[in-house]
Amino acid sequence: MWLVGNPLYAVWKCETVERKVDKGTVIVMENMVYHEATFGFNVYIRGLRLWLTKKIDPNEPVQQLGLLNVVPQKVAVVPTHHMACGPQIDMGNGIRVNLNRRTRCTGYATINDPEILNKMVVPSMNVSFEGLQTTLKKLNEDLKSRPLQGTILNVETTTMKTFEGFGGSGDMDPDQTCWHEDGNKFKRFTQIIRVFYVIGPPANEQIMIEDFIPQVTQRGDIMKACHFETWTQVMTRVSTWIPNQTGVRIVNLQTQYTKYSEYNGEVRVASDSTDDYVTNLADRKLMKIMRVFFVTRPGPGPPQIGHLSCRTFLPVRKSRADFESMSETMFRITAWLKVTGMQIFSVETHQFLFKENRASGVEQDKCNIINQGMSGKKYITAVSVYFAYPFQEPHPAYLPPVYTMYDPNNAQSSASCAIL
């Protein structure tokens, strides 16, 4: 309906956005900072952000958008047991003697039988979900026989709460726009795939995902943690990879935070997992990864891009915990784009964990993050803009003046500085 009332605009990208409801029913979209209570009650609203462009031809028909939600299939997680014996020696006459005592081996198996799933006594403890690549493979098989009625605009992954405490069945409504959480209970979140498309003739497109995970630069051990690539190094790998892809169309670049574990120098990043267990009682290790979504279709592919570059715009920090608004940040972004003349390739809204001792309030280049247990957290919203070729940073004199940036090490903070 909004596009019908604004026929001069076309949607360039859709993205799911979440906002915490602080008081009553008032939702402040301008806030670039939100606080997540440790053991309190948090309420969130989920909406849709449209990135728009003016039509070149105002007589073009009004866009009609479609949405396909893809939910990973539930699987039952059941323990498996079997008895194992040690080496045997042959005593002759068909007699074999075990040299070691028998041991019980325990493992787990996943079963997607609906009858077994329905009989689970405590679903929150015995139900999980298929991985991202398995879910995507099933989606593409389905699209071969039932193609989308249109052309894919962009694809994203987003999370839905499926369990809290020991309640819930694991079923979810992907169209739900409001949800809440109790900080005193453990929670489970499931990753779903969202496909936005422009309604029209079927394009018979297949969807692909490539995750870029920070590599270990210094191996740790049982006493010290591993060191990882910086975000700049990860994005350098992305910019090298994209031009080498043929016959594909990049539809989204999405910053993801996925759980990881490390022990004695061995690191496991659960980028394919769609099932995430969260509790405020323990620290939570997260790895920042870049997820690239692209599509293939029959026939020649679109022209390739050159060297991908990225500019992340953070809200200017005015005081200890006060940052500029979304409108103020967007004003600076618009001015920067006008001065540089850069054509946007992609854009996204994402969050950083607030770090009070940093001048900007965030650790922008760090990839491995530890969310401390037993403590509340604040998150800073940022906008990252991607370009198909390198850019030249303009002189500050050509950009709008900004607030005096707060310096956590100097309460007077007299130096004027712009954080883009």
Protein backbone atom coordinates (compact mmCIF):
# COMPACT_ATOMS: atom_id res chain seq x y z
CA MET A 1 0.00 0.00 0.00
CA TRP A 2 2.83 2.42 0.78
CA LEU A 3 4.35 1.96 -2.68
CA VAL A 4 0.96 2.59 -4.30
CA GLY A 5 0.77 5.92 -2.48
CA ASN A 6 4.37 6.79 -3.43
CA PRO A 7 4.64 5.74 -7.09
CA LEU A 8 7.81 7.76 -7.78
CA TYR A 9 9.90 5.44 -5.59
CA ALA A 10 11.15 1.90 -6.09
CA VAL A 11 12.39 -0.44 -3.37
CA TRP A 12 16.07 -1.16 -3.71
CA LYS A 13 16.41 -3.39 -0.65
CA CYS A 14 14.30 -4.72 2.25
CA GLU A 15 15.70 -5.68 5.63
CA THR A 16 14.22 -6.88 8.91
CA VAL A 17 14.84 -4.49 11.80
CA GLU A 18 14.16 -4.94 15.51
CA ARG A 19 13.59 -2.28 18.14
CA LYS A 20 13.31 -2.67 21.89
CA VAL A 21 10.13 -1.24 23.41
CA ASP A 22 11.30 0.80 26.40
CA LYS A 23 8.06 2.19 27.86
CA GLY A 24 4.44 1.39 27.14
CA THR A 25 3.67 1.13 23.44
CA VAL A 26 5.99 3.92 22.28
CA ILE A 27 8.61 2.77 19.78
CA VAL A 28 11.43 5.26 19.24
CA MET A 29 12.90 4.48 15.82
CA GLU A 30 15.38 7.36 16.15
CA ASN A 31 17.33 5.74 18.99
CA MET A 32 20.70 4.31 17.96
CA VAL A 33 21.36 2.74 21.39
CA TYR A 34 19.34 0.19 23.32
CA HIS A 35 19.83 -1.55 26.66
CA GLU A 36 19.27 -5.27 27.14
CA ALA A 37 18.36 -6.06 30.74
CA THR A 38 20.19 -8.93 32.42
CA PHE A 39 17.41 -10.47 34.47
CA GLY A 40 14.58 -8.13 33.54
CA PHE A 41 11.79 -8.35 31.00
CA ASN A 42 12.62 -7.23 27.44
CA VAL A 43 10.03 -6.55 24.75
CA TYR A 44 10.94 -6.18 21.07
CA ILE A 45 9.09 -5.14 17.94
CA ARG A 46 10.09 -6.47 14.53
CA GLY A 47 9.51 -4.41 11.39
CA LEU A 48 10.61 -3.90 7.81
CA ARG A 49 13.01 -1.23 6.56
CA LEU A 50 12.78 -0.21 2.91
CA TRP A 51 15.79 1.32 1.19
CA LEU A 52 14.35 3.39 -1.65
CA THR A 53 15.50 4.97 -4.89
CA LYS A 54 13.74 7.38 -7.19
CA LYS A 55 12.53 5.85 -10.44
CA ILE A 56 14.32 6.92 -13.61
CA ASP A 57 11.04 6.54 -15.50
CA PRO A 58 8.12 7.79 -13.35
CA ASN A 59 5.68 6.00 -15.66
CA GLU A 60 6.99 2.58 -14.68
CA PRO A 61 4.38 0.37 -12.97
CA VAL A 62 4.32 0.41 -9.17
CA GLN A 63 6.41 -2.37 -7.66
CA GLN A 64 4.63 -5.25 -5.95
CA LEU A 65 6.72 -7.10 -3.39
CA GLY A 66 6.47 -10.68 -2.22
CA LEU A 67 7.98 -12.44 0.80
CA LEU A 68 8.90 -16.07 1.31
CA ASN A 69 9.79 -17.23 4.84
CA VAL A 70 11.77 -20.46 5.09
CA VAL A 71 11.79 -22.14 8.51
CA PRO A 72 14.29 -24.96 9.22
CA GLN A 73 12.68 -28.32 9.80
CA LYS A 74 12.48 -29.57 13.37
CA VAL A 75 14.45 -32.67 14.25
CA ALA A 76 14.35 -34.85 17.36
CA VAL A 77 17.66 -35.21 19.18
CA VAL A 78 17.83 -38.66 20.75
CA PRO A 79 20.74 -40.28 22.61
CA THR A 80 22.26 -43.43 21.15
CA HIS A 81 24.03 -46.09 23.20
CA HIS A 82 26.02 -49.15 22.25
CA MET A 83 28.50 -51.43 23.96
CA ALA A 84 32.08 -51.55 22.69
CA CYS A 85 34.78 -54.06 23.54
CA GLY A 86 38.54 -53.78 23.53
CA PRO A 87 41.00 -55.92 21.49
CA GLN A 88 40.43 -59.66 21.44
CA ILE A 89 42.77 -62.67 21.21
CA ASP A 90 41.89 -66.02 19.64
CA MET A 91 42.25 -68.88 22.17
CA GLY A 92 41.36 -71.54 19.61
CA ASN A 93 38.26 -73.77 19.45
CA GLY A 94 36.17 -70.71 18.60
CA ILE A 95 36.93 -69.01 21.93
CA ARG A 96 37.83 -65.27 21.85
CA VAL A 97 38.76 -63.33 25.00
CA ASN A 98 38.37 -59.54 25.47
CA LEU A 99 41.57 -57.93 26.74
CA ASN A 100 39.73 -54.80 28.01
CA ARG A 101 36.47 -54.31 29.84
CA ARG A 102 33.40 -53.36 27.84
CA THR A 103 32.67 -49.64 27.58
CA ARG A 104 29.44 -47.79 26.90
CA CYS A 105 29.61 -45.36 23.96
CA THR A 106 27.13 -42.49 23.93
CA GLY A 107 26.22 -40.24 21.01
CA TYR A 108 23.27 -38.40 19.52
CA ALA A 109 21.17 -38.85 16.42
CA THR A 110 18.71 -36.46 14.78
CA ILE A 111 15.37 -37.74 13.50
CA ASN A 112 12.81 -35.69 11.58
CA ASP A 113 9.95 -38.17 11.97
CA PRO A 114 6.81 -36.11 12.90
CA GLU A 115 5.44 -38.93 15.07
CA ILE A 116 8.57 -38.98 17.22
CA LEU A 117 8.63 -35.19 17.43
CA ASN A 118 5.04 -35.11 18.69
CA LYS A 119 5.87 -37.57 21.47
CA MET A 120 8.70 -35.53 22.94
CA VAL A 121 8.00 -34.93 26.64
CA VAL A 122 10.23 -31.84 26.93
CA PRO A 123 10.63 -30.41 23.41
CA SER A 124 12.93 -27.63 24.61
CA MET A 125 15.49 -30.29 25.58
CA ASN A 126 15.01 -32.81 22.76
CA VAL A 127 14.19 -30.76 19.67
CA SER A 128 16.64 -29.00 17.38
CA PHE A 129 16.54 -27.72 13.79
CA GLU A 130 18.23 -28.61 10.53
CA GLY A 131 21.31 -26.62 9.53
CA LEU A 132 21.34 -23.59 7.26
CA GLN A 133 22.85 -25.31 4.21
CA THR A 134 20.44 -28.26 4.49
CA THR A 135 17.52 -25.82 4.72
CA LEU A 136 18.82 -23.88 1.72
CA LYS A 137 19.30 -27.05 -0.32
CA LYS A 138 15.68 -28.07 0.31
CA LEU A 139 14.51 -24.56 -0.62
CA ASN A 140 16.35 -24.66 -3.94
CA GLU A 141 14.91 -28.08 -4.74
CA ASP A 142 11.45 -26.70 -4.06
CA LEU A 143 12.12 -23.64 -6.25
CA LYS A 144 12.94 -25.89 -9.20
CA SER A 145 9.39 -27.25 -9.25
CA ARG A 146 7.64 -24.19 -7.81
CA PRO A 147 9.65 -21.09 -8.82
CA LEU A 148 8.99 -17.72 -7.23
CA GLN A 149 6.58 -15.58 -9.20
CA GLY A 150 9.10 -12.81 -9.73
CA THR A 151 12.75 -11.74 -9.40
CA ILE A 152 14.60 -11.96 -6.11
CA LEU A 153 15.28 -8.53 -4.59
CA ASN A 154 17.35 -9.70 -1.64
CA VAL A 155 17.74 -12.57 0.84
CA GLU A 156 18.57 -12.43 4.55
CA THR A 157 18.66 -14.57 7.66
CA THR A 158 16.99 -13.45 10.86
CA THR A 159 16.29 -15.09 14.23
CA MET A 160 13.06 -16.09 15.96
CA LYS A 161 12.64 -17.11 19.60
CA THR A 162 11.44 -20.71 19.77
CA PHE A 163 11.84 -21.70 23.42
CA GLU A 164 12.04 -19.99 26.78
CA GLY A 165 12.77 -22.04 29.87
CA PHE A 166 11.23 -25.47 29.53
CA GLY A 167 8.12 -24.22 27.74
CA GLY A 168 7.24 -24.21 24.07
CA SER A 169 7.02 -26.77 21.29
CA GLY A 170 9.53 -25.29 18.86
CA ASP A 171 6.82 -24.10 16.50
CA MET A 172 7.07 -20.49 15.37
CA ASP A 173 5.21 -17.91 13.34
CA PRO A 174 7.76 -16.26 11.00
CA ASP A 175 5.38 -13.33 10.49
CA GLN A 176 5.26 -12.50 14.21
CA THR A 177 6.12 -8.82 14.75
CA CYS A 178 6.37 -8.67 18.57
CA TRP A 179 8.16 -10.90 21.04
CA HIS A 180 9.46 -10.77 24.60
CA GLU A 181 12.00 -12.50 26.78
CA ASP A 182 12.53 -13.10 30.48
CA GLY A 183 16.15 -12.56 31.45
CA ASN A 184 15.84 -15.11 34.27
CA LYS A 185 15.24 -18.00 31.84
CA PHE A 186 17.37 -19.62 29.18
CA LYS A 187 16.22 -19.10 25.61
CA ARG A 188 16.56 -20.77 22.23
CA PHE A 189 16.61 -18.84 18.97
CA THR A 190 16.20 -20.28 15.49
CA GLN A 191 17.56 -18.80 12.29
CA ILE A 192 15.15 -18.50 9.36
CA ILE A 193 15.67 -17.43 5.74
CA ARG A 194 13.68 -14.55 4.29
CA VAL A 195 13.41 -14.05 0.53
CA PHE A 196 12.10 -10.71 -0.73
CA TYR A 197 11.15 -10.58 -4.41
CA VAL A 198 9.54 -8.26 -6.97
CA ILE A 199 6.39 -9.91 -8.29
CA GLY A 200 6.51 -10.64 -12.01
CA PRO A 201 7.41 -13.44 -14.44
CA PRO A 202 9.38 -16.29 -12.80
CA ALA A 203 13.15 -15.80 -13.09
CA ASN A 204 13.92 -19.41 -12.02
CA GLU A 205 16.67 -18.31 -9.65
CA GLN A 206 18.60 -20.47 -7.21
CA ILE A 207 19.88 -19.04 -3.90
CA MET A 208 23.42 -19.49 -2.61
CA ILE A 209 25.18 -18.47 0.61
CA GLU A 210 28.90 -17.97 1.23
CA ASP A 211 30.10 -17.29 4.78
CA PHE A 212 33.42 -15.53 5.40
CA ILE A 213 34.67 -16.54 8.85
CA PRO A 214 37.63 -14.80 10.52
CA GLN A 215 40.69 -17.02 10.37
CA VAL A 216 42.97 -17.76 13.31
CA THR A 217 46.11 -15.61 13.10
CA GLN A 218 47.70 -16.84 16.33
CA ARG A 219 46.84 -20.21 17.76
CA GLY A 220 46.03 -20.32 21.45
CA ASP A 221 46.38 -23.08 23.99
CA ILE A 222 44.77 -24.17 27.22
CA MET A 223 46.03 -21.01 28.95
CA LYS A 224 45.46 -18.32 26.32
CA ALA A 225 42.85 -17.57 23.67
CA CYS A 226 43.36 -17.55 19.92
CA HIS A 227 43.82 -14.35 17.94
CA PHE A 228 41.70 -13.77 14.83
CA GLU A 229 41.71 -11.68 11.68
CA THR A 230 40.41 -8.14 11.90
CA TRP A 231 37.17 -7.19 10.17
CA THR A 232 39.20 -5.24 7.60
CA GLN A 233 41.08 -8.43 6.72
CA VAL A 234 37.83 -10.39 6.40
CA MET A 235 36.37 -7.75 4.06
CA THR A 236 39.56 -7.86 1.97
CA ARG A 237 38.93 -11.57 1.38
CA VAL A 238 35.31 -10.82 0.45
CA SER A 239 36.37 -8.13 -2.04
CA THR A 240 38.82 -10.58 -3.64
CA TRP A 241 36.26 -13.38 -3.83
CA ILE A 242 33.33 -11.49 -5.42
CA PRO A 243 34.99 -10.45 -8.73
CA ASN A 244 35.99 -14.08 -9.35
CA GLN A 245 32.37 -15.30 -9.34
CA THR A 246 30.78 -15.69 -12.76
CA GLY A 247 27.12 -16.03 -13.70
CA VAL A 248 25.86 -14.86 -10.30
CA ARG A 249 24.12 -11.78 -8.91
CA ILE A 250 24.97 -10.60 -5.39
CA VAL A 251 21.70 -9.77 -3.61
CA ASN A 252 22.85 -9.06 -0.04
CA LEU A 253 25.83 -8.60 2.24
CA GLN A 254 24.90 -9.27 5.87
CA THR A 255 26.97 -8.98 9.04
CA GLN A 256 26.21 -11.97 11.28
CA TYR A 257 27.16 -12.85 14.83
CA THR A 258 27.36 -16.59 15.37
CA LYS A 259 28.42 -18.59 18.40
CA TYR A 260 31.86 -20.14 18.55
CA SER A 261 33.91 -22.20 20.97
CA GLU A 262 37.61 -22.76 21.44
CA TYR A 263 39.60 -25.19 23.50
CA ASN A 264 43.34 -25.74 23.51
CA GLY A 265 43.75 -23.84 20.22
CA GLU A 266 40.90 -25.59 18.40
CA VAL A 267 38.14 -23.22 17.22
CA ARG A 268 34.65 -24.19 16.09
CA VAL A 269 32.41 -21.53 14.55
CA ALA A 270 28.77 -22.66 14.32
CA SER A 271 27.95 -20.67 11.18
CA ASP A 272 25.73 -23.43 9.79
CA SER A 273 23.74 -23.90 13.00
CA THR A 274 20.20 -22.52 13.07
CA ASP A 275 19.74 -23.36 16.76
CA ASP A 276 21.21 -21.03 19.38
CA TYR A 277 21.05 -21.51 23.16
CA VAL A 278 21.27 -18.29 25.19
CA THR A 279 21.54 -17.80 28.95
CA ASN A 280 22.48 -14.73 30.96
CA LEU A 281 24.23 -16.89 33.56
CA ALA A 282 27.32 -17.55 31.44
CA ASP A 283 29.60 -15.73 29.02
CA ARG A 284 28.66 -16.07 25.37
CA LYS A 285 31.32 -16.15 22.66
CA LEU A 286 30.27 -14.69 19.32
CA MET A 287 32.12 -14.46 16.02
CA LYS A 288 31.41 -11.66 13.56
CA ILE A 289 31.17 -13.09 10.04
CA MET A 290 30.22 -11.72 6.63
CA ARG A 291 27.41 -13.62 4.91
CA VAL A 292 27.11 -13.12 1.16
CA PHE A 293 23.84 -14.04 -0.55
CA PHE A 294 23.81 -14.49 -4.31
CA VAL A 295 21.52 -16.01 -6.93
CA THR A 296 22.03 -17.90 -10.17
CA ARG A 297 19.64 -18.14 -13.07
CA PRO A 298 19.61 -19.71 -16.56
CA GLY A 299 21.31 -17.61 -19.23
CA PRO A 300 24.13 -15.04 -19.06
CA GLY A 301 24.87 -13.51 -15.69
CA PRO A 302 24.99 -9.82 -14.79
CA PRO A 303 28.23 -7.83 -15.18
CA GLN A 304 30.82 -8.42 -12.48
CA ILE A 305 31.86 -5.80 -9.96
CA GLY A 306 35.39 -4.65 -9.27
CA HIS A 307 36.95 -4.22 -5.85
CA LEU A 308 34.29 -4.22 -3.12
CA SER A 309 34.71 -1.51 -0.49
CA CYS A 310 32.75 -0.67 2.65
CA ARG A 311 32.12 2.43 4.77
CA THR A 312 30.57 1.93 8.22
CA PHE A 313 28.81 4.97 9.67
CA LEU A 314 28.55 5.02 13.46
CA PRO A 315 26.41 7.52 15.37
CA VAL A 316 28.57 10.26 16.89
CA ARG A 317 29.03 9.82 20.62
CA LYS A 318 27.93 13.05 22.36
CA SER A 319 28.41 11.99 25.97
CA ARG A 320 29.03 8.89 28.06
CA ALA A 321 25.93 7.03 26.85
CA ASP A 322 24.28 9.51 24.47
CA PHE A 323 24.63 9.17 20.71
CA GLU A 324 23.20 11.07 17.78
CA SER A 325 19.87 9.95 16.30
CA MET A 326 19.18 7.87 13.20
CA SER A 327 18.12 10.99 11.27
CA GLU A 328 21.34 12.78 12.19
CA THR A 329 23.43 9.80 11.13
CA MET A 330 21.53 9.48 7.84
CA PHE A 331 22.04 13.20 7.20
CA ARG A 332 25.81 12.68 7.44
CA ILE A 333 25.63 9.59 5.22
CA THR A 334 23.70 11.49 2.55
CA ALA A 335 26.18 14.38 2.66
CA TRP A 336 29.12 11.97 2.39
CA LEU A 337 27.57 10.27 -0.65
CA LYS A 338 26.94 13.60 -2.38
CA VAL A 339 30.53 14.73 -1.86
CA THR A 340 32.09 11.44 -3.00
CA GLY A 341 29.59 10.68 -5.77
CA MET A 342 29.79 6.98 -4.91
CA GLN A 343 27.14 4.62 -6.28
CA ILE A 344 25.81 2.25 -3.61
CA PHE A 345 26.16 -1.48 -4.20
CA SER A 346 24.53 -2.67 -0.96
CA VAL A 347 23.62 -1.40 2.50
CA GLU A 348 22.72 -2.87 5.88
CA THR A 349 21.78 -1.88 9.43
CA HIS A 350 23.53 -3.83 12.19
CA GLN A 351 24.61 -3.60 15.83
CA PHE A 352 27.84 -3.38 17.81
CA LEU A 353 28.29 -4.24 21.48
CA PHE A 354 28.82 -0.97 23.38
CA LYS A 355 32.30 -0.54 24.87
CA GLU A 356 32.39 2.44 27.23
CA ASN A 357 36.19 2.81 27.21
CA ARG A 358 36.31 3.29 23.43
CA ALA A 359 36.01 6.81 22.05
CA SER A 360 33.50 5.72 19.39
CA GLY A 361 31.75 3.36 21.83
CA VAL A 362 32.53 0.22 19.80
CA GLU A 363 35.37 -2.09 18.76
CA GLN A 364 34.71 -1.78 15.06
CA ASP A 365 37.52 -3.96 13.71
CA LYS A 366 37.33 -6.79 16.25
CA CYS A 367 35.66 -10.02 15.14
CA ASN A 368 35.49 -12.18 18.26
CA ILE A 369 33.20 -10.79 20.94
CA ILE A 370 32.47 -12.03 24.45
CA ASN A 371 29.11 -11.10 25.92
CA GLN A 372 29.68 -11.16 29.66
CA GLY A 373 27.20 -13.17 31.69
CA MET A 374 25.41 -11.76 34.74
CA SER A 375 25.50 -8.20 33.36
CA GLY A 376 23.32 -5.96 31.22
CA LYS A 377 24.44 -4.88 27.76
CA LYS A 378 24.05 -1.92 25.44
CA TYR A 379 24.14 -2.09 21.67
CA ILE A 380 24.97 0.61 19.13
CA THR A 381 23.22 0.67 15.75
CA ALA A 382 25.38 1.39 12.70
CA VAL A 383 24.83 1.60 8.94
CA SER A 384 27.32 -0.05 6.59
CA VAL A 385 27.33 1.03 2.95
CA TYR A 386 29.04 -1.14 0.31
CA PHE A 387 30.44 0.05 -3.01
CA ALA A 388 31.55 -1.78 -6.17
CA TYR A 389 34.91 0.01 -6.26
CA PRO A 390 37.28 1.85 -3.87
CA PHE A 391 36.46 5.32 -2.54
CA GLN A 392 38.46 8.37 -1.54
CA GLU A 393 37.70 9.73 1.92
CA PRO A 394 36.69 13.42 1.54
CA HIS A 395 38.29 16.21 3.52
CA PRO A 396 36.23 17.02 6.66
CA ALA A 397 35.81 20.61 5.43
CA TYR A 398 33.47 19.32 2.71
CA LEU A 399 31.26 17.49 5.21
CA PRO A 400 28.68 18.83 7.69
CA PRO A 401 30.03 19.87 11.12
CA VAL A 402 29.45 17.34 13.87
CA TYR A 403 29.12 17.33 17.63
CA THR A 404 32.20 17.44 19.79
CA MET A 405 32.95 13.78 20.27
CA TYR A 406 32.97 12.49 23.81
CA ASP A 407 36.31 11.18 25.05
CA PRO A 408 35.97 8.63 27.90
CA ASN A 409 39.47 9.58 29.08
CA ASN A 410 38.73 13.30 29.12
CA ALA A 411 35.45 14.43 30.66
CA GLN A 412 35.81 17.91 29.07
CA SER A 413 36.20 16.45 25.54
CA SER A 414 37.18 19.55 23.63
CA ALA A 415 38.47 18.02 20.39
CA SER A 416 36.07 18.06 17.46
CA CYS A 417 36.10 14.80 15.53
CA ALA A 418 33.74 13.05 13.13
CA ILE A 419 33.24 9.30 13.36
CA LEU A 420 31.84 7.95 10.10
